[in-house]
Amino acid sequence: QSQPVSLQIRFFNQASLSNLRTITIPAQAPAPGPVTVTWDGRADNGMWVAPGFYTVTVEATDTLGNTTFGQILTTIQY
């Protein structure tokens, strides 16, 4: 809990079975409260992602190499 943590957030399209966006947040000193990550709705290639079902995964790794992982299924609509 007292180690700096880096985050990797991935957006996986369920229809095309492809990872469309990966956002990496470098290791930061721990701070109380939630961490907010803003996503602009674009894929890694700069194009807007298609509406549909996506799995969003979050992987947190501390400087000792300990990793935790979570995921949710979400819908993107326009």
PDB file of N, CA and C in Angstrom:
ATOM      1  N   GLN A   1       0.801  -1.197   0.000  1.00  0.00           N
ATOM      2  CA  GLN A   1       0.000   0.000   0.000  1.00  0.00           C
ATOM      3  C   GLN A   1       0.841   1.258   0.000  1.00  0.00           C
ATOM      4  N   SER A   2       2.089   1.154   0.366  1.00  0.00           N
ATOM      5  CA  SER A   2       2.921   2.351   0.418  1.00  0.00           C
ATOM      6  C   SER A   2       3.879   2.451  -0.769  1.00  0.00           C
ATOM      7  N   GLN A   3       3.775   1.538  -1.730  1.00  0.00           N
ATOM      8  CA  GLN A   3       4.649   1.537  -2.899  1.00  0.00           C
ATOM      9  C   GLN A   3       4.036   2.360  -4.036  1.00  0.00           C
ATOM     10  N   PRO A   4       4.859   3.041  -4.835  1.00  0.00           N
ATOM     11  CA  PRO A   4       4.336   3.659  -6.058  1.00  0.00           C
ATOM     12  C   PRO A   4       3.738   2.588  -6.973  1.00  0.00           C
ATOM     13  N   VAL A   5       2.690   2.949  -7.703  1.00  0.00           N
ATOM     14  CA  VAL A   5       1.967   1.997  -8.540  1.00  0.00           C
ATOM     15  C   VAL A   5       1.840   2.550  -9.949  1.00  0.00           C
ATOM     16  N   SER A   6       2.099   1.700 -10.960  1.00  0.00           N
ATOM     17  CA  SER A   6       1.831   2.064 -12.354  1.00  0.00           C
ATOM     18  C   SER A   6       0.546   1.358 -12.781  1.00  0.00           C
ATOM     19  N   LEU A   7      -0.176   1.972 -13.717  1.00  0.00           N
ATOM     20  CA  LEU A   7      -1.437   1.412 -14.202  1.00  0.00           C
ATOM     21  C   LEU A   7      -1.370   1.187 -15.698  1.00  0.00           C
ATOM     22  N   GLN A   8      -2.023   0.120 -16.148  1.00  0.00           N
ATOM     23  CA  GLN A   8      -2.187  -0.121 -17.568  1.00  0.00           C
ATOM     24  C   GLN A   8      -3.664  -0.440 -17.792  1.00  0.00           C
ATOM     25  N   ILE A   9      -4.330   0.393 -18.599  1.00  0.00           N
ATOM     26  CA  ILE A   9      -5.751   0.238 -18.875  1.00  0.00           C
ATOM     27  C   ILE A   9      -5.895  -0.143 -20.342  1.00  0.00           C
ATOM     28  N   ARG A  10      -6.654  -1.214 -20.612  1.00  0.00           N
ATOM     29  CA  ARG A  10      -6.850  -1.689 -21.991  1.00  0.00           C
ATOM     30  C   ARG A  10      -8.342  -1.721 -22.321  1.00  0.00           C
ATOM     31  N   PHE A  11      -8.664  -1.372 -23.574  1.00  0.00           N
ATOM     32  CA  PHE A  11     -10.035  -1.404 -24.083  1.00  0.00           C
ATOM     33  C   PHE A  11     -10.088  -2.458 -25.175  1.00  0.00           C
ATOM     34  N   PHE A  12     -10.796  -3.555 -24.914  1.00  0.00           N
ATOM     35  CA  PHE A  12     -10.847  -4.713 -25.806  1.00  0.00           C
ATOM     36  C   PHE A  12     -12.233  -4.808 -26.425  1.00  0.00           C
ATOM     37  N   ASN A  13     -12.315  -4.710 -27.758  1.00  0.00           N
ATOM     38  CA  ASN A  13     -13.591  -4.777 -28.465  1.00  0.00           C
ATOM     39  C   ASN A  13     -14.060  -6.227 -28.553  1.00  0.00           C
ATOM     40  N   GLN A  14     -15.266  -6.487 -28.040  1.00  0.00           N
ATOM     41  CA  GLN A  14     -15.794  -7.849 -28.041  1.00  0.00           C
ATOM     42  C   GLN A  14     -16.175  -8.334 -29.438  1.00  0.00           C
ATOM     43  N   ALA A  15     -16.581  -7.439 -30.352  1.00  0.00           N
ATOM     44  CA  ALA A  15     -16.991  -7.853 -31.697  1.00  0.00           C
ATOM     45  C   ALA A  15     -15.793  -8.211 -32.571  1.00  0.00           C
ATOM     46  N   SER A  16     -14.757  -7.378 -32.547  1.00  0.00           N
ATOM     47  CA  SER A  16     -13.602  -7.626 -33.415  1.00  0.00           C
ATOM     48  C   SER A  16     -12.520  -8.455 -32.713  1.00  0.00           C
ATOM     49  N   LEU A  17     -12.702  -8.703 -31.421  1.00  0.00           N
ATOM     50  CA  LEU A  17     -11.735  -9.452 -30.611  1.00  0.00           C
ATOM     51  C   LEU A  17     -10.347  -8.823 -30.673  1.00  0.00           C
ATOM     52  N   SER A  18     -10.317  -7.480 -30.612  1.00  0.00           N
ATOM     53  CA  SER A  18      -9.033  -6.786 -30.673  1.00  0.00           C
ATOM     54  C   SER A  18      -8.906  -5.755 -29.564  1.00  0.00           C
ATOM     55  N   ASN A  19      -7.657  -5.561 -29.140  1.00  0.00           N
ATOM     56  CA  ASN A  19      -7.348  -4.525 -28.163  1.00  0.00           C
ATOM     57  C   ASN A  19      -7.201  -3.211 -28.931  1.00  0.00           C
ATOM     58  N   LEU A  20      -8.120  -2.269 -28.693  1.00  0.00           N
ATOM     59  CA  LEU A  20      -8.113  -1.034 -29.463  1.00  0.00           C
ATOM     60  C   LEU A  20      -7.349   0.097 -28.818  1.00  0.00           C
ATOM     61  N   ARG A  21      -7.213   0.071 -27.508  1.00  0.00           N
ATOM     62  CA  ARG A  21      -6.522   1.183 -26.847  1.00  0.00           C
ATOM     63  C   ARG A  21      -5.846   0.679 -25.585  1.00  0.00           C
ATOM     64  N   THR A  22      -4.632   1.142 -25.368  1.00  0.00           N
ATOM     65  CA  THR A  22      -3.911   0.882 -24.123  1.00  0.00           C
ATOM     66  C   THR A  22      -3.436   2.228 -23.586  1.00  0.00           C
ATOM     67  N   ILE A  23      -3.786   2.499 -22.341  1.00  0.00           N
ATOM     68  CA  ILE A  23      -3.342   3.718 -21.672  1.00  0.00           C
ATOM     69  C   ILE A  23      -2.435   3.286 -20.531  1.00  0.00           C
ATOM     70  N   THR A  24      -1.226   3.838 -20.488  1.00  0.00           N
ATOM     71  CA  THR A  24      -0.268   3.504 -19.433  1.00  0.00           C
ATOM     72  C   THR A  24      -0.029   4.738 -18.579  1.00  0.00           C
ATOM     73  N   ILE A  25      -0.159   4.559 -17.275  1.00  0.00           N
ATOM     74  CA  ILE A  25       0.109   5.623 -16.310  1.00  0.00           C
ATOM     75  C   ILE A  25       1.377   5.219 -15.556  1.00  0.00           C
ATOM     76  N   PRO A  26       2.457   5.994 -15.650  1.00  0.00           N
ATOM     77  CA  PRO A  26       3.701   5.639 -14.966  1.00  0.00           C
ATOM     78  C   PRO A  26       3.515   5.583 -13.448  1.00  0.00           C
ATOM     79  N   ALA A  27       4.452   4.907 -12.787  1.00  0.00           N
ATOM     80  CA  ALA A  27       4.394   4.754 -11.330  1.00  0.00           C
ATOM     81  C   ALA A  27       4.311   6.110 -10.647  1.00  0.00           C
ATOM     82  N   GLN A  28       3.398   6.188  -9.683  1.00  0.00           N
ATOM     83  CA  GLN A  28       3.193   7.398  -8.904  1.00  0.00           C
ATOM     84  C   GLN A  28       3.164   7.038  -7.431  1.00  0.00           C
ATOM     85  N   ALA A  29       3.558   7.981  -6.607  1.00  0.00           N
ATOM     86  CA  ALA A  29       3.472   7.769  -5.164  1.00  0.00           C
ATOM     87  C   ALA A  29       2.001   7.594  -4.784  1.00  0.00           C
ATOM     88  N   PRO A  30       1.724   6.728  -3.829  1.00  0.00           N
ATOM     89  CA  PRO A  30       0.336   6.508  -3.431  1.00  0.00           C
ATOM     90  C   PRO A  30      -0.286   7.777  -2.844  1.00  0.00           C
ATOM     91  N   ALA A  31      -1.564   7.960  -3.137  1.00  0.00           N
ATOM     92  CA  ALA A  31      -2.327   9.079  -2.597  1.00  0.00           C
ATOM     93  C   ALA A  31      -3.693   8.550  -2.176  1.00  0.00           C
ATOM     94  N   PRO A  32      -4.270   9.119  -1.158  1.00  0.00           N
ATOM     95  CA  PRO A  32      -5.591   8.642  -0.730  1.00  0.00           C
ATOM     96  C   PRO A  32      -6.660   8.958  -1.775  1.00  0.00           C
ATOM     97  N   GLY A  33      -7.651   8.101  -1.864  1.00  0.00           N
ATOM     98  CA  GLY A  33      -8.767   8.339  -2.769  1.00  0.00           C
ATOM     99  C   GLY A  33      -8.600   7.672  -4.112  1.00  0.00           C
ATOM    100  N   PRO A  34      -9.622   7.813  -4.959  1.00  0.00           N
ATOM    101  CA  PRO A  34      -9.596   7.164  -6.274  1.00  0.00           C
ATOM    102  C   PRO A  34      -8.655   7.870  -7.252  1.00  0.00           C
ATOM    103  N   VAL A  35      -8.276   7.125  -8.284  1.00  0.00           N
ATOM    104  CA  VAL A  35      -7.476   7.667  -9.387  1.00  0.00           C
ATOM    105  C   VAL A  35      -8.408   7.807 -10.578  1.00  0.00           C
ATOM    106  N   THR A  36      -8.398   8.961 -11.220  1.00  0.00           N
ATOM    107  CA  THR A  36      -9.243   9.194 -12.386  1.00  0.00           C
ATOM    108  C   THR A  36      -8.380   9.166 -13.643  1.00  0.00           C
ATOM    109  N   VAL A  37      -8.811   8.371 -14.627  1.00  0.00           N
ATOM    110  CA  VAL A  37      -8.129   8.287 -15.914  1.00  0.00           C
ATOM    111  C   VAL A  37      -9.131   8.712 -16.978  1.00  0.00           C
ATOM    112  N   THR A  38      -8.747   9.664 -17.806  1.00  0.00           N
ATOM    113  CA  THR A  38      -9.628  10.155 -18.862  1.00  0.00           C
ATOM    114  C   THR A  38      -9.266   9.493 -20.179  1.00  0.00           C
ATOM    115  N   TRP A  39     -10.303   9.034 -20.899  1.00  0.00           N
ATOM    116  CA  TRP A  39     -10.111   8.417 -22.202  1.00  0.00           C
ATOM    117  C   TRP A  39     -10.902   9.233 -23.222  1.00  0.00           C
ATOM    118  N   ASP A  40     -10.318   9.521 -24.368  1.00  0.00           N
ATOM    119  CA  ASP A  40     -10.948  10.362 -25.381  1.00  0.00           C
ATOM    120  C   ASP A  40     -11.829   9.599 -26.370  1.00  0.00           C
ATOM    121  N   GLY A  41     -12.008   8.289 -26.183  1.00  0.00           N
ATOM    122  CA  GLY A  41     -12.861   7.505 -27.083  1.00  0.00           C
ATOM    123  C   GLY A  41     -12.182   7.079 -28.363  1.00  0.00           C
ATOM    124  N   ARG A  42     -10.870   7.250 -28.416  1.00  0.00           N
ATOM    125  CA  ARG A  42     -10.133   6.891 -29.627  1.00  0.00           C
ATOM    126  C   ARG A  42      -9.275   5.646 -29.396  1.00  0.00           C
ATOM    127  N   ALA A  43      -9.011   4.936 -30.502  1.00  0.00           N
ATOM    128  CA  ALA A  43      -8.122   3.779 -30.481  1.00  0.00           C
ATOM    129  C   ALA A  43      -6.672   4.271 -30.501  1.00  0.00           C
ATOM    130  N   ASP A  44      -5.743   3.353 -30.365  1.00  0.00           N
ATOM    131  CA  ASP A  44      -4.324   3.714 -30.415  1.00  0.00           C
ATOM    132  C   ASP A  44      -3.935   4.374 -31.736  1.00  0.00           C
ATOM    133  N   ASN A  45      -4.657   4.067 -32.818  1.00  0.00           N
ATOM    134  CA  ASN A  45      -4.343   4.653 -34.130  1.00  0.00           C
ATOM    135  C   ASN A  45      -4.974   6.031 -34.331  1.00  0.00           C
ATOM    136  N   GLY A  46      -5.685   6.552 -33.315  1.00  0.00           N
ATOM    137  CA  GLY A  46      -6.287   7.881 -33.391  1.00  0.00           C
ATOM    138  C   GLY A  46      -7.716   7.912 -33.885  1.00  0.00           C
ATOM    139  N   MET A  47      -8.214   6.779 -34.388  1.00  0.00           N
ATOM    140  CA  MET A  47      -9.585   6.718 -34.890  1.00  0.00           C
ATOM    141  C   MET A  47     -10.559   6.518 -33.730  1.00  0.00           C
ATOM    142  N   TRP A  48     -11.804   7.025 -33.894  1.00  0.00           N
ATOM    143  CA  TRP A  48     -12.838   6.793 -32.896  1.00  0.00           C
ATOM    144  C   TRP A  48     -13.165   5.302 -32.857  1.00  0.00           C
ATOM    145  N   VAL A  49     -13.393   4.758 -31.677  1.00  0.00           N
ATOM    146  CA  VAL A  49     -13.777   3.352 -31.591  1.00  0.00           C
ATOM    147  C   VAL A  49     -15.256   3.211 -31.932  1.00  0.00           C
ATOM    148  N   ALA A  50     -15.634   2.054 -32.422  1.00  0.00           N
ATOM    149  CA  ALA A  50     -17.015   1.795 -32.818  1.00  0.00           C
ATOM    150  C   ALA A  50     -17.885   1.581 -31.582  1.00  0.00           C
ATOM    151  N   PRO A  51     -19.173   1.944 -31.680  1.00  0.00           N
ATOM    152  CA  PRO A  51     -20.085   1.613 -30.589  1.00  0.00           C
ATOM    153  C   PRO A  51     -20.140   0.098 -30.423  1.00  0.00           C
ATOM    154  N   GLY A  52     -20.390  -0.359 -29.224  1.00  0.00           N
ATOM    155  CA  GLY A  52     -20.507  -1.788 -28.980  1.00  0.00           C
ATOM    156  C   GLY A  52     -20.052  -2.165 -27.588  1.00  0.00           C
ATOM    157  N   PHE A  53     -19.809  -3.443 -27.412  1.00  0.00           N
ATOM    158  CA  PHE A  53     -19.406  -3.981 -26.117  1.00  0.00           C
ATOM    159  C   PHE A  53     -17.892  -4.050 -26.018  1.00  0.00           C
ATOM    160  N   TYR A  54     -17.369  -3.595 -24.900  1.00  0.00           N
ATOM    161  CA  TYR A  54     -15.935  -3.572 -24.641  1.00  0.00           C
ATOM    162  C   TYR A  54     -15.646  -4.138 -23.264  1.00  0.00           C
ATOM    163  N   THR A  55     -14.532  -4.862 -23.166  1.00  0.00           N
ATOM    164  CA  THR A  55     -14.004  -5.232 -21.864  1.00  0.00           C
ATOM    165  C   THR A  55     -12.900  -4.239 -21.543  1.00  0.00           C
ATOM    166  N   VAL A  56     -13.009  -3.610 -20.378  1.00  0.00           N
ATOM    167  CA  VAL A  56     -11.985  -2.678 -19.916  1.00  0.00           C
ATOM    168  C   VAL A  56     -11.229  -3.370 -18.798  1.00  0.00           C
ATOM    169  N   THR A  57      -9.908  -3.510 -18.965  1.00  0.00           N
ATOM    170  CA  THR A  57      -9.095  -4.148 -17.940  1.00  0.00           C
ATOM    171  C   THR A  57      -8.140  -3.118 -17.343  1.00  0.00           C
ATOM    172  N   VAL A  58      -7.898  -3.262 -16.059  1.00  0.00           N
ATOM    173  CA  VAL A  58      -6.957  -2.403 -15.345  1.00  0.00           C
ATOM    174  C   VAL A  58      -5.966  -3.300 -14.621  1.00  0.00           C
ATOM    175  N   GLU A  59      -4.694  -3.049 -14.868  1.00  0.00           N
ATOM    176  CA  GLU A  59      -3.630  -3.795 -14.190  1.00  0.00           C
ATOM    177  C   GLU A  59      -2.772  -2.794 -13.426  1.00  0.00           C
ATOM    178  N   ALA A  60      -2.618  -3.022 -12.132  1.00  0.00           N
ATOM    179  CA  ALA A  60      -1.797  -2.144 -11.283  1.00  0.00           C
ATOM    180  C   ALA A  60      -0.587  -2.938 -10.818  1.00  0.00           C
ATOM    181  N   THR A  61       0.605  -2.353 -10.978  1.00  0.00           N
ATOM    182  CA  THR A  61       1.848  -3.010 -10.593  1.00  0.00           C
ATOM    183  C   THR A  61       2.657  -2.058  -9.728  1.00  0.00           C
ATOM    184  N   ASP A  62       3.068  -2.548  -8.543  1.00  0.00           N
ATOM    185  CA  ASP A  62       3.893  -1.689  -7.692  1.00  0.00           C
ATOM    186  C   ASP A  62       5.366  -1.884  -8.012  1.00  0.00           C
ATOM    187  N   THR A  63       6.220  -1.087  -7.384  1.00  0.00           N
ATOM    188  CA  THR A  63       7.650  -1.123  -7.696  1.00  0.00           C
ATOM    189  C   THR A  63       8.325  -2.402  -7.232  1.00  0.00           C
ATOM    190  N   LEU A  64       7.627  -3.211  -6.420  1.00  0.00           N
ATOM    191  CA  LEU A  64       8.165  -4.512  -6.000  1.00  0.00           C
ATOM    192  C   LEU A  64       7.767  -5.624  -6.963  1.00  0.00           C
ATOM    193  N   GLY A  65       6.921  -5.291  -7.963  1.00  0.00           N
ATOM    194  CA  GLY A  65       6.489  -6.291  -8.939  1.00  0.00           C
ATOM    195  C   GLY A  65       5.176  -6.960  -8.613  1.00  0.00           C
ATOM    196  N   ASN A  66       4.537  -6.572  -7.506  1.00  0.00           N
ATOM    197  CA  ASN A  66       3.220  -7.118  -7.169  1.00  0.00           C
ATOM    198  C   ASN A  66       2.191  -6.536  -8.123  1.00  0.00           C
ATOM    199  N   THR A  67       1.318  -7.403  -8.652  1.00  0.00           N
ATOM    200  CA  THR A  67       0.334  -6.985  -9.641  1.00  0.00           C
ATOM    201  C   THR A  67      -1.056  -7.395  -9.208  1.00  0.00           C
ATOM    202  N   THR A  68      -2.024  -6.521  -9.484  1.00  0.00           N
ATOM    203  CA  THR A  68      -3.428  -6.861  -9.296  1.00  0.00           C
ATOM    204  C   THR A  68      -4.162  -6.481 -10.568  1.00  0.00           C
ATOM    205  N   PHE A  69      -5.295  -7.126 -10.817  1.00  0.00           N
ATOM    206  CA  PHE A  69      -5.965  -7.023 -12.102  1.00  0.00           C
ATOM    207  C   PHE A  69      -7.472  -6.963 -11.880  1.00  0.00           C
ATOM    208  N   GLY A  70      -8.163  -6.158 -12.658  1.00  0.00           N
ATOM    209  CA  GLY A  70      -9.619  -6.109 -12.620  1.00  0.00           C
ATOM    210  C   GLY A  70     -10.154  -5.842 -14.006  1.00  0.00           C
ATOM    211  N   GLN A  71     -11.424  -6.208 -14.234  1.00  0.00           N
ATOM    212  CA  GLN A  71     -12.018  -5.939 -15.540  1.00  0.00           C
ATOM    213  C   GLN A  71     -13.521  -5.756 -15.401  1.00  0.00           C
ATOM    214  N   ILE A  72     -14.083  -4.990 -16.345  1.00  0.00           N
ATOM    215  CA  ILE A  72     -15.525  -4.799 -16.429  1.00  0.00           C
ATOM    216  C   ILE A  72     -15.937  -4.883 -17.889  1.00  0.00           C
ATOM    217  N   LEU A  73     -17.191  -5.230 -18.115  1.00  0.00           N
ATOM    218  CA  LEU A  73     -17.764  -5.190 -19.459  1.00  0.00           C
ATOM    219  C   LEU A  73     -18.600  -3.923 -19.532  1.00  0.00           C
ATOM    220  N   THR A  74     -18.388  -3.132 -20.582  1.00  0.00           N
ATOM    221  CA  THR A  74     -19.114  -1.867 -20.715  1.00  0.00           C
ATOM    222  C   THR A  74     -19.615  -1.715 -22.154  1.00  0.00           C
ATOM    223  N   THR A  75     -20.561  -0.810 -22.341  1.00  0.00           N
ATOM    224  CA  THR A  75     -21.095  -0.523 -23.669  1.00  0.00           C
ATOM    225  C   THR A  75     -20.720   0.901 -24.044  1.00  0.00           C
ATOM    226  N   ILE A  76     -20.223   1.094 -25.255  1.00  0.00           N
ATOM    227  CA  ILE A  76     -19.929   2.424 -25.765  1.00  0.00           C
ATOM    228  C   ILE A  76     -21.018   2.776 -26.762  1.00  0.00           C
ATOM    229  N   GLN A  77     -21.656   3.938 -26.527  1.00  0.00           N
ATOM    230  CA  GLN A  77     -22.732   4.398 -27.395  1.00  0.00           C
ATOM    231  C   GLN A  77     -22.432   5.813 -27.842  1.00  0.00           C
ATOM    232  N   TYR A  78     -22.994   6.196 -28.972  1.00  0.00           N
ATOM    233  CA  TYR A  78     -22.904   7.578 -29.462  1.00  0.00           C
ATOM    234  C   TYR A  78     -24.251   8.205 -29.426  1.00  0.00           C
TER     235      TYR A  78
END
